[in-house]
Amino acid sequence: MSGHTLEAEREETLVALAQAGDEAAFTKLYDRYFDRVYRYAYYRVGRAEDAEDVTQRVFLRAWRALGSYRQTGSSMLAWLLTIAHNESVNHQRRNKAAHYLEYDLPETRPEADPEHMAEVRLEQARVRRAVLQLKPEQQQVVTMRFLENLDVRDVAAAMGKSEVNVRVIQHRALEQLRKMLAREER
């Protein structure tokens, strides 16, 4: 049995146990997916404390809705990121005045060269600004595919779209990003 299949089987078992009310199983799912849901939320809302709030709301909603979750071949992560997307949108609606573009994630490599890190952060901010100019659907595909490294199948399941549709959205988003970033460099 491949590692990926074994991982999916373990997820199915944990989900089934959590659906039966096993809090320890849900805690394992929480531990497994917290970082990825947080990273997705952070990228969408732009501030660590807001991302923490969104992430907590995601897992609270997931716990409450776990009985309605159906294992359809896509991962639990895809379902959680769909909830994260909706919670991020709700957060942005509630906080329209606050639109953040800065990155405030803590440095994960303290030995990193400060000058290099400053350049990296400037480039990240530039790309994030460009991504935020995309249509919401394109933003969602780009963040799920490239920030979370989800495969097209999981993104399609999370968004309720066909894989072909996700690929088209991705292609158009990347083409638009390329043009925006090229214009900015002139």
C-alpha atoms as a PDB file:
ATOM      1  CA  MET A   1       0.000   0.000   0.000  1.00  0.00           C
ATOM      2  CA  SER A   2       1.470   3.359  -0.967  1.00  0.00           C
ATOM      3  CA  GLY A   3       2.117   6.071   1.622  1.00  0.00           C
ATOM      4  CA  HIS A   4      -0.504   8.322   0.036  1.00  0.00           C
ATOM      5  CA  THR A   5      -3.156   5.580   0.171  1.00  0.00           C
ATOM      6  CA  LEU A   6      -2.240   4.744   3.763  1.00  0.00           C
ATOM      7  CA  GLU A   7      -2.478   8.428   4.684  1.00  0.00           C
ATOM      8  CA  ALA A   8      -5.924   8.686   3.070  1.00  0.00           C
ATOM      9  CA  GLU A   9      -7.020   5.553   4.915  1.00  0.00           C
ATOM     10  CA  ARG A  10      -5.873   6.996   8.230  1.00  0.00           C
ATOM     11  CA  GLU A  11      -7.723  10.224   7.459  1.00  0.00           C
ATOM     12  CA  GLU A  12     -10.902   8.276   6.679  1.00  0.00           C
ATOM     13  CA  THR A  13     -10.587   6.437   9.993  1.00  0.00           C
ATOM     14  CA  LEU A  14     -10.015   9.651  11.944  1.00  0.00           C
ATOM     15  CA  VAL A  15     -12.949  11.345  10.215  1.00  0.00           C
ATOM     16  CA  ALA A  16     -15.244   8.396  10.935  1.00  0.00           C
ATOM     17  CA  LEU A  17     -14.202   8.379  14.587  1.00  0.00           C
ATOM     18  CA  ALA A  18     -14.635  12.163  14.863  1.00  0.00           C
ATOM     19  CA  GLN A  19     -18.059  11.920  13.250  1.00  0.00           C
ATOM     20  CA  ALA A  20     -18.966   9.384  15.926  1.00  0.00           C
ATOM     21  CA  GLY A  21     -18.089  12.007  18.549  1.00  0.00           C
ATOM     22  CA  ASP A  22     -14.476  11.045  19.282  1.00  0.00           C
ATOM     23  CA  GLU A  23     -12.876  14.346  20.284  1.00  0.00           C
ATOM     24  CA  ALA A  24      -9.378  12.830  20.313  1.00  0.00           C
ATOM     25  CA  ALA A  25      -9.759  11.882  16.623  1.00  0.00           C
ATOM     26  CA  PHE A  26     -10.881  15.406  15.774  1.00  0.00           C
ATOM     27  CA  THR A  27      -7.916  16.769  17.745  1.00  0.00           C
ATOM     28  CA  LYS A  28      -5.604  14.657  15.570  1.00  0.00           C
ATOM     29  CA  LEU A  29      -7.238  16.104  12.446  1.00  0.00           C
ATOM     30  CA  TYR A  30      -6.880  19.579  13.951  1.00  0.00           C
ATOM     31  CA  ASP A  31      -3.191  18.989  14.665  1.00  0.00           C
ATOM     32  CA  ARG A  32      -2.641  17.569  11.180  1.00  0.00           C
ATOM     33  CA  TYR A  33      -4.263  20.462   9.302  1.00  0.00           C
ATOM     34  CA  PHE A  34      -3.924  23.493  11.586  1.00  0.00           C
ATOM     35  CA  ASP A  35      -0.757  24.878   9.987  1.00  0.00           C
ATOM     36  CA  ARG A  36      -2.084  24.600   6.448  1.00  0.00           C
ATOM     37  CA  VAL A  37      -5.466  26.145   7.306  1.00  0.00           C
ATOM     38  CA  TYR A  38      -3.700  28.923   9.211  1.00  0.00           C
ATOM     39  CA  ARG A  39      -1.340  29.613   6.297  1.00  0.00           C
ATOM     40  CA  TYR A  40      -4.266  29.761   3.873  1.00  0.00           C
ATOM     41  CA  ALA A  41      -6.216  32.096   6.186  1.00  0.00           C
ATOM     42  CA  TYR A  42      -3.154  34.251   6.766  1.00  0.00           C
ATOM     43  CA  TYR A  43      -2.567  34.675   3.074  1.00  0.00           C
ATOM     44  CA  ARG A  44      -6.195  35.689   2.607  1.00  0.00           C
ATOM     45  CA  VAL A  45      -6.504  38.124   5.558  1.00  0.00           C
ATOM     46  CA  GLY A  46      -2.912  39.327   5.922  1.00  0.00           C
ATOM     47  CA  ARG A  47      -2.465  39.565   9.692  1.00  0.00           C
ATOM     48  CA  ALA A  48      -1.445  36.862  12.133  1.00  0.00           C
ATOM     49  CA  GLU A  49      -4.066  37.642  14.773  1.00  0.00           C
ATOM     50  CA  ASP A  50      -6.850  37.763  12.163  1.00  0.00           C
ATOM     51  CA  ALA A  51      -5.634  34.480  10.655  1.00  0.00           C
ATOM     52  CA  GLU A  52      -5.695  32.899  14.115  1.00  0.00           C
ATOM     53  CA  ASP A  53      -9.311  34.018  14.585  1.00  0.00           C
ATOM     54  CA  VAL A  54     -10.315  32.749  11.140  1.00  0.00           C
ATOM     55  CA  THR A  55      -8.535  29.439  11.719  1.00  0.00           C
ATOM     56  CA  GLN A  56     -10.292  28.906  15.035  1.00  0.00           C
ATOM     57  CA  ARG A  57     -13.659  29.653  13.406  1.00  0.00           C
ATOM     58  CA  VAL A  58     -12.830  27.162  10.624  1.00  0.00           C
ATOM     59  CA  PHE A  59     -12.237  24.323  13.063  1.00  0.00           C
ATOM     60  CA  LEU A  60     -15.252  25.250  15.151  1.00  0.00           C
ATOM     61  CA  ARG A  61     -17.453  25.195  12.031  1.00  0.00           C
ATOM     62  CA  ALA A  62     -15.831  21.942  10.923  1.00  0.00           C
ATOM     63  CA  TRP A  63     -16.535  20.309  14.293  1.00  0.00           C
ATOM     64  CA  ARG A  64     -20.159  21.441  14.188  1.00  0.00           C
ATOM     65  CA  ALA A  65     -20.639  20.358  10.562  1.00  0.00           C
ATOM     66  CA  LEU A  66     -18.630  17.146  10.722  1.00  0.00           C
ATOM     67  CA  GLY A  67     -21.790  15.059  10.573  1.00  0.00           C
ATOM     68  CA  SER A  68     -22.577  16.487   7.144  1.00  0.00           C
ATOM     69  CA  TYR A  69     -19.038  15.953   5.786  1.00  0.00           C
ATOM     70  CA  ARG A  70     -18.948  13.215   3.166  1.00  0.00           C
ATOM     71  CA  GLN A  71     -15.744  11.584   2.051  1.00  0.00           C
ATOM     72  CA  THR A  72     -15.954  11.967  -1.715  1.00  0.00           C
ATOM     73  CA  GLY A  73     -12.440  11.186  -2.812  1.00  0.00           C
ATOM     74  CA  SER A  74     -11.041  14.630  -2.048  1.00  0.00           C
ATOM     75  CA  SER A  75      -9.176  15.238   1.159  1.00  0.00           C
ATOM     76  CA  MET A  76     -10.462  16.624   4.418  1.00  0.00           C
ATOM     77  CA  LEU A  77      -7.994  19.470   3.830  1.00  0.00           C
ATOM     78  CA  ALA A  78      -9.898  20.525   0.711  1.00  0.00           C
ATOM     79  CA  TRP A  79     -13.098  20.700   2.787  1.00  0.00           C
ATOM     80  CA  LEU A  80     -11.350  22.669   5.531  1.00  0.00           C
ATOM     81  CA  LEU A  81      -9.883  25.110   2.997  1.00  0.00           C
ATOM     82  CA  THR A  82     -13.353  25.672   1.553  1.00  0.00           C
ATOM     83  CA  ILE A  83     -14.521  26.613   5.041  1.00  0.00           C
ATOM     84  CA  ALA A  84     -11.377  28.750   5.446  1.00  0.00           C
ATOM     85  CA  HIS A  85     -12.135  30.553   2.205  1.00  0.00           C
ATOM     86  CA  ASN A  86     -15.684  31.336   3.341  1.00  0.00           C
ATOM     87  CA  GLU A  87     -14.533  32.443   6.787  1.00  0.00           C
ATOM     88  CA  SER A  88     -11.831  34.655   5.232  1.00  0.00           C
ATOM     89  CA  VAL A  89     -14.386  36.294   2.954  1.00  0.00           C
ATOM     90  CA  ASN A  90     -16.694  36.845   5.929  1.00  0.00           C
ATOM     91  CA  HIS A  91     -13.809  38.311   7.915  1.00  0.00           C
ATOM     92  CA  GLN A  92     -12.922  40.696   5.085  1.00  0.00           C
ATOM     93  CA  ARG A  93     -16.549  41.798   4.785  1.00  0.00           C
ATOM     94  CA  ARG A  94     -16.711  42.505   8.516  1.00  0.00           C
ATOM     95  CA  ASN A  95     -13.436  44.433   8.392  1.00  0.00           C
ATOM     96  CA  LYS A  96     -13.628  46.314   5.093  1.00  0.00           C
ATOM     97  CA  ALA A  97     -11.668  49.266   6.449  1.00  0.00           C
ATOM     98  CA  ALA A  98      -8.705  47.048   7.268  1.00  0.00           C
ATOM     99  CA  HIS A  99      -7.028  45.696   4.151  1.00  0.00           C
ATOM    100  CA  TYR A 100      -3.581  44.422   4.951  1.00  0.00           C
ATOM    101  CA  LEU A 101      -0.750  43.869   2.533  1.00  0.00           C
ATOM    102  CA  GLU A 102       2.110  43.408   4.961  1.00  0.00           C
ATOM    103  CA  TYR A 103       3.535  40.086   5.967  1.00  0.00           C
ATOM    104  CA  ASP A 104       3.946  39.572   9.677  1.00  0.00           C
ATOM    105  CA  LEU A 105       4.641  35.858   9.852  1.00  0.00           C
ATOM    106  CA  PRO A 106       7.453  35.172  12.280  1.00  0.00           C
ATOM    107  CA  GLU A 107      10.819  34.345  10.744  1.00  0.00           C
ATOM    108  CA  THR A 108      11.198  30.586  10.704  1.00  0.00           C
ATOM    109  CA  ARG A 109      14.951  30.623  10.026  1.00  0.00           C
ATOM    110  CA  PRO A 110      16.690  32.894  12.537  1.00  0.00           C
ATOM    111  CA  GLU A 111      20.024  32.251  10.840  1.00  0.00           C
ATOM    112  CA  ALA A 112      18.733  33.831   7.604  1.00  0.00           C
ATOM    113  CA  ASP A 113      20.510  36.871   6.231  1.00  0.00           C
ATOM    114  CA  PRO A 114      18.444  39.974   7.148  1.00  0.00           C
ATOM    115  CA  GLU A 115      19.127  41.667   3.802  1.00  0.00           C
ATOM    116  CA  HIS A 116      18.054  38.580   1.873  1.00  0.00           C
ATOM    117  CA  MET A 117      14.962  38.217   4.054  1.00  0.00           C
ATOM    118  CA  ALA A 118      14.032  41.849   3.423  1.00  0.00           C
ATOM    119  CA  GLU A 119      14.251  41.232  -0.330  1.00  0.00           C
ATOM    120  CA  VAL A 120      12.175  38.057  -0.003  1.00  0.00           C
ATOM    121  CA  ARG A 121       9.513  39.882   2.020  1.00  0.00           C
ATOM    122  CA  LEU A 122       9.350  42.696  -0.548  1.00  0.00           C
ATOM    123  CA  GLU A 123       8.909  40.161  -3.338  1.00  0.00           C
ATOM    124  CA  GLN A 124       6.265  38.264  -1.344  1.00  0.00           C
ATOM    125  CA  ALA A 125       4.374  41.494  -0.744  1.00  0.00           C
ATOM    126  CA  ARG A 126       4.589  42.362  -4.448  1.00  0.00           C
ATOM    127  CA  VAL A 127       3.215  38.967  -5.465  1.00  0.00           C
ATOM    128  CA  ARG A 128       0.522  39.103  -2.778  1.00  0.00           C
ATOM    129  CA  ARG A 129      -0.608  42.546  -3.979  1.00  0.00           C
ATOM    130  CA  ALA A 130      -0.865  41.152  -7.504  1.00  0.00           C
ATOM    131  CA  VAL A 131      -2.785  38.065  -6.337  1.00  0.00           C
ATOM    132  CA  LEU A 132      -5.221  40.301  -4.447  1.00  0.00           C
ATOM    133  CA  GLN A 133      -5.995  42.075  -7.735  1.00  0.00           C
ATOM    134  CA  LEU A 134      -7.207  38.828  -9.295  1.00  0.00           C
ATOM    135  CA  LYS A 135     -10.863  37.834  -9.307  1.00  0.00           C
ATOM    136  CA  PRO A 136     -11.828  36.076  -6.051  1.00  0.00           C
ATOM    137  CA  GLU A 137     -12.191  32.727  -7.808  1.00  0.00           C
ATOM    138  CA  GLN A 138      -8.715  33.095  -9.316  1.00  0.00           C
ATOM    139  CA  GLN A 139      -7.285  34.053  -5.913  1.00  0.00           C
ATOM    140  CA  GLN A 140      -8.782  30.923  -4.419  1.00  0.00           C
ATOM    141  CA  VAL A 141      -7.330  28.652  -7.104  1.00  0.00           C
ATOM    142  CA  VAL A 142      -3.879  30.256  -6.920  1.00  0.00           C
ATOM    143  CA  THR A 143      -3.665  30.060  -3.125  1.00  0.00           C
ATOM    144  CA  MET A 144      -4.964  26.489  -2.963  1.00  0.00           C
ATOM    145  CA  ARG A 145      -2.724  25.252  -5.779  1.00  0.00           C
ATOM    146  CA  PHE A 146       0.506  27.103  -5.013  1.00  0.00           C
ATOM    147  CA  LEU A 147       0.369  28.078  -1.359  1.00  0.00           C
ATOM    148  CA  GLU A 148      -1.218  24.844  -0.160  1.00  0.00           C
ATOM    149  CA  ASN A 149       0.060  22.606  -2.978  1.00  0.00           C
ATOM    150  CA  LEU A 150      -3.306  20.930  -3.424  1.00  0.00           C
ATOM    151  CA  ASP A 151      -3.774  18.929  -6.573  1.00  0.00           C
ATOM    152  CA  VAL A 152      -6.323  20.008  -9.165  1.00  0.00           C
ATOM    153  CA  ARG A 153      -8.747  17.274  -8.073  1.00  0.00           C
ATOM    154  CA  ASP A 154      -8.869  18.584  -4.486  1.00  0.00           C
ATOM    155  CA  VAL A 155      -9.214  22.201  -5.590  1.00  0.00           C
ATOM    156  CA  ALA A 156     -12.044  21.223  -7.932  1.00  0.00           C
ATOM    157  CA  ALA A 157     -13.815  19.351  -5.129  1.00  0.00           C
ATOM    158  CA  ALA A 158     -13.344  22.226  -2.691  1.00  0.00           C
ATOM    159  CA  MET A 159     -14.708  24.764  -5.164  1.00  0.00           C
ATOM    160  CA  GLY A 160     -17.463  22.595  -6.634  1.00  0.00           C
ATOM    161  CA  LYS A 161     -15.980  22.886 -10.132  1.00  0.00           C
ATOM    162  CA  SER A 162     -14.637  20.472 -12.701  1.00  0.00           C
ATOM    163  CA  GLU A 163     -10.908  19.822 -12.925  1.00  0.00           C
ATOM    164  CA  VAL A 164     -10.892  21.335 -16.422  1.00  0.00           C
ATOM    165  CA  ASN A 165     -12.554  24.483 -15.082  1.00  0.00           C
ATOM    166  CA  VAL A 166      -9.944  24.768 -12.305  1.00  0.00           C
ATOM    167  CA  ARG A 167      -7.138  24.393 -14.851  1.00  0.00           C
ATOM    168  CA  VAL A 168      -8.663  27.140 -17.020  1.00  0.00           C
ATOM    169  CA  ILE A 169      -9.047  29.453 -14.008  1.00  0.00           C
ATOM    170  CA  GLN A 170      -5.459  28.695 -12.980  1.00  0.00           C
ATOM    171  CA  HIS A 171      -4.109  29.345 -16.466  1.00  0.00           C
ATOM    172  CA  ARG A 172      -5.928  32.674 -16.748  1.00  0.00           C
ATOM    173  CA  ALA A 173      -4.865  33.714 -13.245  1.00  0.00           C
ATOM    174  CA  LEU A 174      -1.210  32.924 -13.889  1.00  0.00           C
ATOM    175  CA  GLU A 175      -1.296  34.719 -17.225  1.00  0.00           C
ATOM    176  CA  GLN A 176      -2.815  37.773 -15.561  1.00  0.00           C
ATOM    177  CA  LEU A 177      -0.263  37.639 -12.727  1.00  0.00           C
ATOM    178  CA  ARG A 178       2.586  37.410 -15.214  1.00  0.00           C
ATOM    179  CA  LYS A 179       1.310  40.512 -17.016  1.00  0.00           C
ATOM    180  CA  MET A 180       0.764  42.475 -13.803  1.00  0.00           C
ATOM    181  CA  LEU A 181       4.209  41.661 -12.447  1.00  0.00           C
ATOM    182  CA  ALA A 182       5.873  42.423 -15.794  1.00  0.00           C
ATOM    183  CA  ARG A 183       4.126  45.840 -15.927  1.00  0.00           C
ATOM    184  CA  GLU A 184       5.287  46.567 -12.402  1.00  0.00           C
ATOM    185  CA  GLU A 185       8.912  45.833 -13.321  1.00  0.00           C
ATOM    186  CA  ARG A 186       8.969  48.424 -16.119  1.00  0.00           C
END
